[in-house]
Amino acid sequence: MSNLRQNKRHDKGYTVIPNVVIRDNNLSATARFLLIFMLQLPETFNFSEQELANQTGEGLRSVQNALKELETYKYFHRVKDGNDTIYHVYEEPTEVGERHE
């Protein structure tokens, strides 16, 4: 079972980057890159920090720091589901449980 949930409006072989991501001065270049990278992943991607590091060429510590940054600014959430963790990626800042259509 996949543990990555993307909350995006487009999925036709391209990734649309909302201006809010580009203009968000709170995000470092690494966090911005990682967000864009995660938004283009298939939902079948078995999420792990190490696999993100492998796929992007970023160091593990860099990926971990970028994910913390994305959590802080509400682009990324981890939700416990029993023994599993579901990872939610958003194209704009979103509170847990909030949905954008």
N, C-alpha and C. Protein backbone atom coordinates (compact mmCIF):
# COMPACT_ATOMS: atom_id res chain seq x y z
N MET A 1 0.83 -1.18 0.00
CA MET A 1 0.00 0.00 0.00
C MET A 1 0.88 1.24 0.00
N SER A 2 0.52 2.21 -0.81
CA SER A 2 1.26 3.47 -0.87
C SER A 2 1.00 4.28 0.37
N ASN A 3 2.02 5.03 0.79
CA ASN A 3 1.84 5.87 1.96
C ASN A 3 2.04 7.34 1.63
N LEU A 4 2.00 7.69 0.35
CA LEU A 4 2.15 9.07 -0.11
C LEU A 4 0.82 9.55 -0.67
N ARG A 5 0.32 10.66 -0.17
CA ARG A 5 -0.92 11.25 -0.68
C ARG A 5 -0.60 12.66 -1.17
N GLN A 6 -0.86 12.88 -2.44
CA GLN A 6 -0.62 14.21 -3.01
C GLN A 6 -1.95 14.91 -3.16
N ASN A 7 -1.94 16.16 -2.87
CA ASN A 7 -3.14 16.96 -2.96
C ASN A 7 -2.86 18.05 -3.97
N LYS A 8 -3.10 17.71 -5.22
CA LYS A 8 -2.79 18.62 -6.32
C LYS A 8 -3.92 18.60 -7.32
N ARG A 9 -3.95 19.60 -8.16
CA ARG A 9 -5.05 19.74 -9.11
C ARG A 9 -4.76 19.13 -10.47
N HIS A 10 -3.52 18.88 -10.80
CA HIS A 10 -3.19 18.41 -12.14
C HIS A 10 -2.38 17.12 -12.08
N ASP A 11 -2.64 16.22 -13.00
CA ASP A 11 -1.87 14.98 -13.07
C ASP A 11 -1.97 14.42 -14.49
N LYS A 12 -1.45 15.13 -15.45
CA LYS A 12 -1.51 14.70 -16.85
C LYS A 12 -0.12 14.72 -17.48
N GLY A 13 0.88 14.23 -16.75
CA GLY A 13 2.21 14.18 -17.32
C GLY A 13 3.01 15.46 -17.13
N TYR A 14 2.49 16.36 -16.34
CA TYR A 14 3.23 17.59 -16.04
C TYR A 14 2.89 18.02 -14.62
N THR A 15 3.69 18.90 -14.08
CA THR A 15 3.47 19.41 -12.74
C THR A 15 3.29 20.91 -12.80
N VAL A 16 2.21 21.41 -12.26
CA VAL A 16 1.94 22.83 -12.19
C VAL A 16 2.46 23.32 -10.84
N ILE A 17 3.25 24.36 -10.87
CA ILE A 17 3.80 24.93 -9.65
C ILE A 17 3.04 26.21 -9.32
N PRO A 18 2.25 26.20 -8.26
CA PRO A 18 1.52 27.41 -7.89
C PRO A 18 2.48 28.54 -7.51
N ASN A 19 2.09 29.75 -7.81
CA ASN A 19 2.93 30.91 -7.49
C ASN A 19 3.21 31.02 -6.00
N VAL A 20 2.30 30.54 -5.16
CA VAL A 20 2.53 30.61 -3.72
C VAL A 20 3.82 29.88 -3.34
N VAL A 21 4.13 28.79 -4.00
CA VAL A 21 5.37 28.05 -3.73
C VAL A 21 6.58 28.86 -4.17
N ILE A 22 6.49 29.45 -5.33
CA ILE A 22 7.60 30.24 -5.88
C ILE A 22 7.85 31.47 -5.02
N ARG A 23 6.79 32.10 -4.54
CA ARG A 23 6.90 33.37 -3.82
C ARG A 23 7.07 33.23 -2.32
N ASP A 24 6.96 32.02 -1.79
CA ASP A 24 7.03 31.83 -0.35
C ASP A 24 8.48 31.97 0.12
N ASN A 25 8.81 33.14 0.65
CA ASN A 25 10.17 33.43 1.10
C ASN A 25 10.55 32.67 2.35
N ASN A 26 9.60 31.98 2.97
CA ASN A 26 9.92 31.14 4.13
C ASN A 26 10.65 29.87 3.71
N LEU A 27 10.45 29.45 2.47
CA LEU A 27 11.02 28.19 2.00
C LEU A 27 12.42 28.38 1.43
N SER A 28 13.31 27.50 1.82
CA SER A 28 14.64 27.48 1.22
C SER A 28 14.53 26.88 -0.18
N ALA A 29 15.56 27.05 -0.96
CA ALA A 29 15.57 26.47 -2.31
C ALA A 29 15.45 24.94 -2.23
N THR A 30 16.09 24.33 -1.24
CA THR A 30 16.03 22.88 -1.10
C THR A 30 14.62 22.42 -0.77
N ALA A 31 13.94 23.11 0.14
CA ALA A 31 12.57 22.74 0.50
C ALA A 31 11.65 22.92 -0.71
N ARG A 32 11.83 24.00 -1.45
CA ARG A 32 11.02 24.26 -2.64
C ARG A 32 11.22 23.14 -3.67
N PHE A 33 12.49 22.79 -3.91
CA PHE A 33 12.81 21.71 -4.85
C PHE A 33 12.18 20.39 -4.40
N LEU A 34 12.32 20.07 -3.11
CA LEU A 34 11.79 18.81 -2.62
C LEU A 34 10.27 18.76 -2.74
N LEU A 35 9.60 19.88 -2.45
CA LEU A 35 8.15 19.95 -2.60
C LEU A 35 7.75 19.68 -4.05
N ILE A 36 8.40 20.34 -4.98
CA ILE A 36 8.10 20.15 -6.40
C ILE A 36 8.36 18.70 -6.80
N PHE A 37 9.47 18.16 -6.32
CA PHE A 37 9.80 16.77 -6.63
C PHE A 37 8.73 15.82 -6.10
N MET A 38 8.30 16.03 -4.85
CA MET A 38 7.28 15.14 -4.26
C MET A 38 5.95 15.25 -4.97
N LEU A 39 5.60 16.45 -5.43
CA LEU A 39 4.33 16.62 -6.14
C LEU A 39 4.30 15.86 -7.46
N GLN A 40 5.46 15.61 -8.05
CA GLN A 40 5.46 14.89 -9.33
C GLN A 40 5.57 13.38 -9.17
N LEU A 41 5.81 12.90 -7.95
CA LEU A 41 5.93 11.46 -7.73
C LEU A 41 4.59 10.76 -7.91
N PRO A 42 4.62 9.52 -8.37
CA PRO A 42 3.36 8.76 -8.43
C PRO A 42 2.93 8.41 -7.01
N GLU A 43 1.64 8.29 -6.78
CA GLU A 43 1.17 7.93 -5.45
C GLU A 43 1.58 6.52 -5.06
N THR A 44 2.10 5.75 -5.99
CA THR A 44 2.60 4.40 -5.68
C THR A 44 3.99 4.45 -5.07
N PHE A 45 4.61 5.63 -5.03
CA PHE A 45 5.94 5.80 -4.45
C PHE A 45 5.89 5.42 -2.97
N ASN A 46 6.77 4.51 -2.55
CA ASN A 46 6.83 4.12 -1.15
C ASN A 46 7.73 5.10 -0.43
N PHE A 47 7.12 6.04 0.25
CA PHE A 47 7.82 7.18 0.82
C PHE A 47 8.80 6.79 1.91
N SER A 48 10.02 7.31 1.79
CA SER A 48 10.99 7.28 2.89
C SER A 48 11.96 8.42 2.66
N GLU A 49 12.50 8.95 3.74
CA GLU A 49 13.47 10.04 3.63
C GLU A 49 14.69 9.58 2.84
N GLN A 50 15.14 8.36 3.10
CA GLN A 50 16.32 7.84 2.39
C GLN A 50 16.04 7.71 0.90
N GLU A 51 14.86 7.24 0.53
CA GLU A 51 14.54 7.09 -0.89
C GLU A 51 14.45 8.46 -1.57
N LEU A 52 13.91 9.46 -0.86
CA LEU A 52 13.91 10.82 -1.42
C LEU A 52 15.34 11.31 -1.65
N ALA A 53 16.22 11.05 -0.69
CA ALA A 53 17.63 11.43 -0.85
C ALA A 53 18.24 10.72 -2.06
N ASN A 54 17.97 9.44 -2.20
CA ASN A 54 18.50 8.67 -3.33
C ASN A 54 17.99 9.22 -4.66
N GLN A 55 16.70 9.50 -4.72
CA GLN A 55 16.07 9.94 -5.97
C GLN A 55 16.48 11.35 -6.38
N THR A 56 16.73 12.22 -5.39
CA THR A 56 17.02 13.62 -5.69
C THR A 56 18.51 13.95 -5.73
N GLY A 57 19.34 13.08 -5.15
CA GLY A 57 20.76 13.38 -5.07
C GLY A 57 21.10 14.30 -3.90
N GLU A 58 20.12 14.64 -3.09
CA GLU A 58 20.34 15.45 -1.89
C GLU A 58 20.80 14.52 -0.77
N GLY A 59 21.53 15.05 0.18
CA GLY A 59 21.92 14.26 1.34
C GLY A 59 20.73 13.98 2.24
N LEU A 60 20.82 12.92 3.03
CA LEU A 60 19.73 12.55 3.92
C LEU A 60 19.42 13.69 4.89
N ARG A 61 20.42 14.28 5.49
CA ARG A 61 20.20 15.38 6.44
C ARG A 61 19.51 16.56 5.75
N SER A 62 19.89 16.84 4.52
CA SER A 62 19.28 17.93 3.76
C SER A 62 17.80 17.64 3.51
N VAL A 63 17.47 16.41 3.16
CA VAL A 63 16.08 16.01 2.95
C VAL A 63 15.30 16.12 4.26
N GLN A 64 15.86 15.64 5.35
CA GLN A 64 15.19 15.71 6.64
C GLN A 64 14.91 17.16 7.04
N ASN A 65 15.89 18.03 6.85
CA ASN A 65 15.71 19.45 7.19
C ASN A 65 14.65 20.10 6.30
N ALA A 66 14.66 19.77 5.01
CA ALA A 66 13.68 20.34 4.09
C ALA A 66 12.27 19.86 4.44
N LEU A 67 12.12 18.60 4.81
CA LEU A 67 10.80 18.09 5.21
C LEU A 67 10.30 18.78 6.47
N LYS A 68 11.18 19.01 7.44
CA LYS A 68 10.79 19.74 8.65
C LYS A 68 10.33 21.15 8.29
N GLU A 69 11.04 21.78 7.37
CA GLU A 69 10.68 23.12 6.91
C GLU A 69 9.30 23.09 6.24
N LEU A 70 9.07 22.11 5.38
CA LEU A 70 7.78 22.00 4.70
C LEU A 70 6.66 21.72 5.70
N GLU A 71 6.94 20.96 6.76
CA GLU A 71 5.95 20.74 7.81
C GLU A 71 5.66 22.04 8.55
N THR A 72 6.70 22.77 8.87
CA THR A 72 6.53 24.03 9.59
C THR A 72 5.62 24.98 8.84
N TYR A 73 5.79 25.04 7.51
CA TYR A 73 5.01 25.97 6.69
C TYR A 73 3.80 25.31 6.05
N LYS A 74 3.46 24.10 6.51
CA LYS A 74 2.19 23.41 6.23
C LYS A 74 2.01 22.93 4.79
N TYR A 75 3.12 22.63 4.11
CA TYR A 75 3.05 22.01 2.79
C TYR A 75 3.11 20.48 2.88
N PHE A 76 3.44 19.98 4.04
CA PHE A 76 3.70 18.55 4.23
C PHE A 76 3.24 18.16 5.62
N HIS A 77 2.49 17.04 5.71
CA HIS A 77 2.02 16.54 7.00
C HIS A 77 2.25 15.04 7.08
N ARG A 78 2.58 14.59 8.26
CA ARG A 78 2.68 13.15 8.55
C ARG A 78 1.50 12.80 9.46
N VAL A 79 0.74 11.78 9.08
CA VAL A 79 -0.43 11.38 9.86
C VAL A 79 -0.28 9.91 10.20
N LYS A 80 -0.31 9.59 11.49
CA LYS A 80 -0.23 8.20 11.93
C LYS A 80 -1.54 7.50 11.63
N ASP A 81 -1.43 6.29 11.09
CA ASP A 81 -2.58 5.44 10.78
C ASP A 81 -2.25 4.04 11.28
N GLY A 82 -2.55 3.81 12.54
CA GLY A 82 -2.15 2.54 13.16
C GLY A 82 -0.64 2.49 13.26
N ASN A 83 -0.06 1.44 12.68
CA ASN A 83 1.41 1.31 12.68
C ASN A 83 2.04 2.03 11.50
N ASP A 84 1.24 2.54 10.60
CA ASP A 84 1.74 3.21 9.40
C ASP A 84 1.71 4.72 9.56
N THR A 85 2.46 5.38 8.73
CA THR A 85 2.41 6.83 8.63
C THR A 85 2.02 7.18 7.21
N ILE A 86 1.04 8.05 7.07
CA ILE A 86 0.62 8.54 5.76
C ILE A 86 1.22 9.93 5.60
N TYR A 87 1.86 10.16 4.46
CA TYR A 87 2.51 11.43 4.18
C TYR A 87 1.67 12.21 3.19
N HIS A 88 1.27 13.41 3.57
CA HIS A 88 0.45 14.27 2.72
C HIS A 88 1.29 15.42 2.21
N VAL A 89 1.24 15.64 0.91
CA VAL A 89 1.97 16.73 0.26
C VAL A 89 0.95 17.65 -0.39
N TYR A 90 1.10 18.96 -0.15
CA TYR A 90 0.15 19.95 -0.65
C TYR A 90 0.85 20.97 -1.52
N GLU A 91 0.15 21.48 -2.51
CA GLU A 91 0.73 22.50 -3.38
C GLU A 91 0.57 23.91 -2.82
N GLU A 92 -0.04 24.03 -1.67
CA GLU A 92 -0.12 25.31 -0.96
C GLU A 92 -0.26 25.00 0.53
N PRO A 93 0.08 25.94 1.41
CA PRO A 93 -0.01 25.66 2.85
C PRO A 93 -1.43 25.24 3.23
N THR A 94 -1.52 24.15 4.00
CA THR A 94 -2.80 23.55 4.34
C THR A 94 -2.76 23.02 5.76
N GLU A 95 -3.77 23.32 6.54
CA GLU A 95 -3.88 22.76 7.88
C GLU A 95 -4.26 21.28 7.76
N VAL A 96 -3.87 20.47 8.72
CA VAL A 96 -4.24 19.06 8.72
C VAL A 96 -5.76 18.95 8.69
N GLY A 97 -6.27 18.14 7.78
CA GLY A 97 -7.71 17.95 7.65
C GLY A 97 -8.40 18.91 6.71
N GLU A 98 -7.73 20.02 6.37
CA GLU A 98 -8.28 21.00 5.43
C GLU A 98 -8.06 20.49 4.01
N ARG A 99 -9.02 20.70 3.14
CA ARG A 99 -8.89 20.26 1.75
C ARG A 99 -9.06 21.45 0.83
N HIS A 100 -8.29 21.44 -0.27
CA HIS A 100 -8.42 22.45 -1.31
C HIS A 100 -8.92 21.75 -2.57
N GLU A 101 -9.90 22.31 -3.19
CA GLU A 101 -10.46 21.72 -4.43
C GLU A 101 -10.06 22.57 -5.60
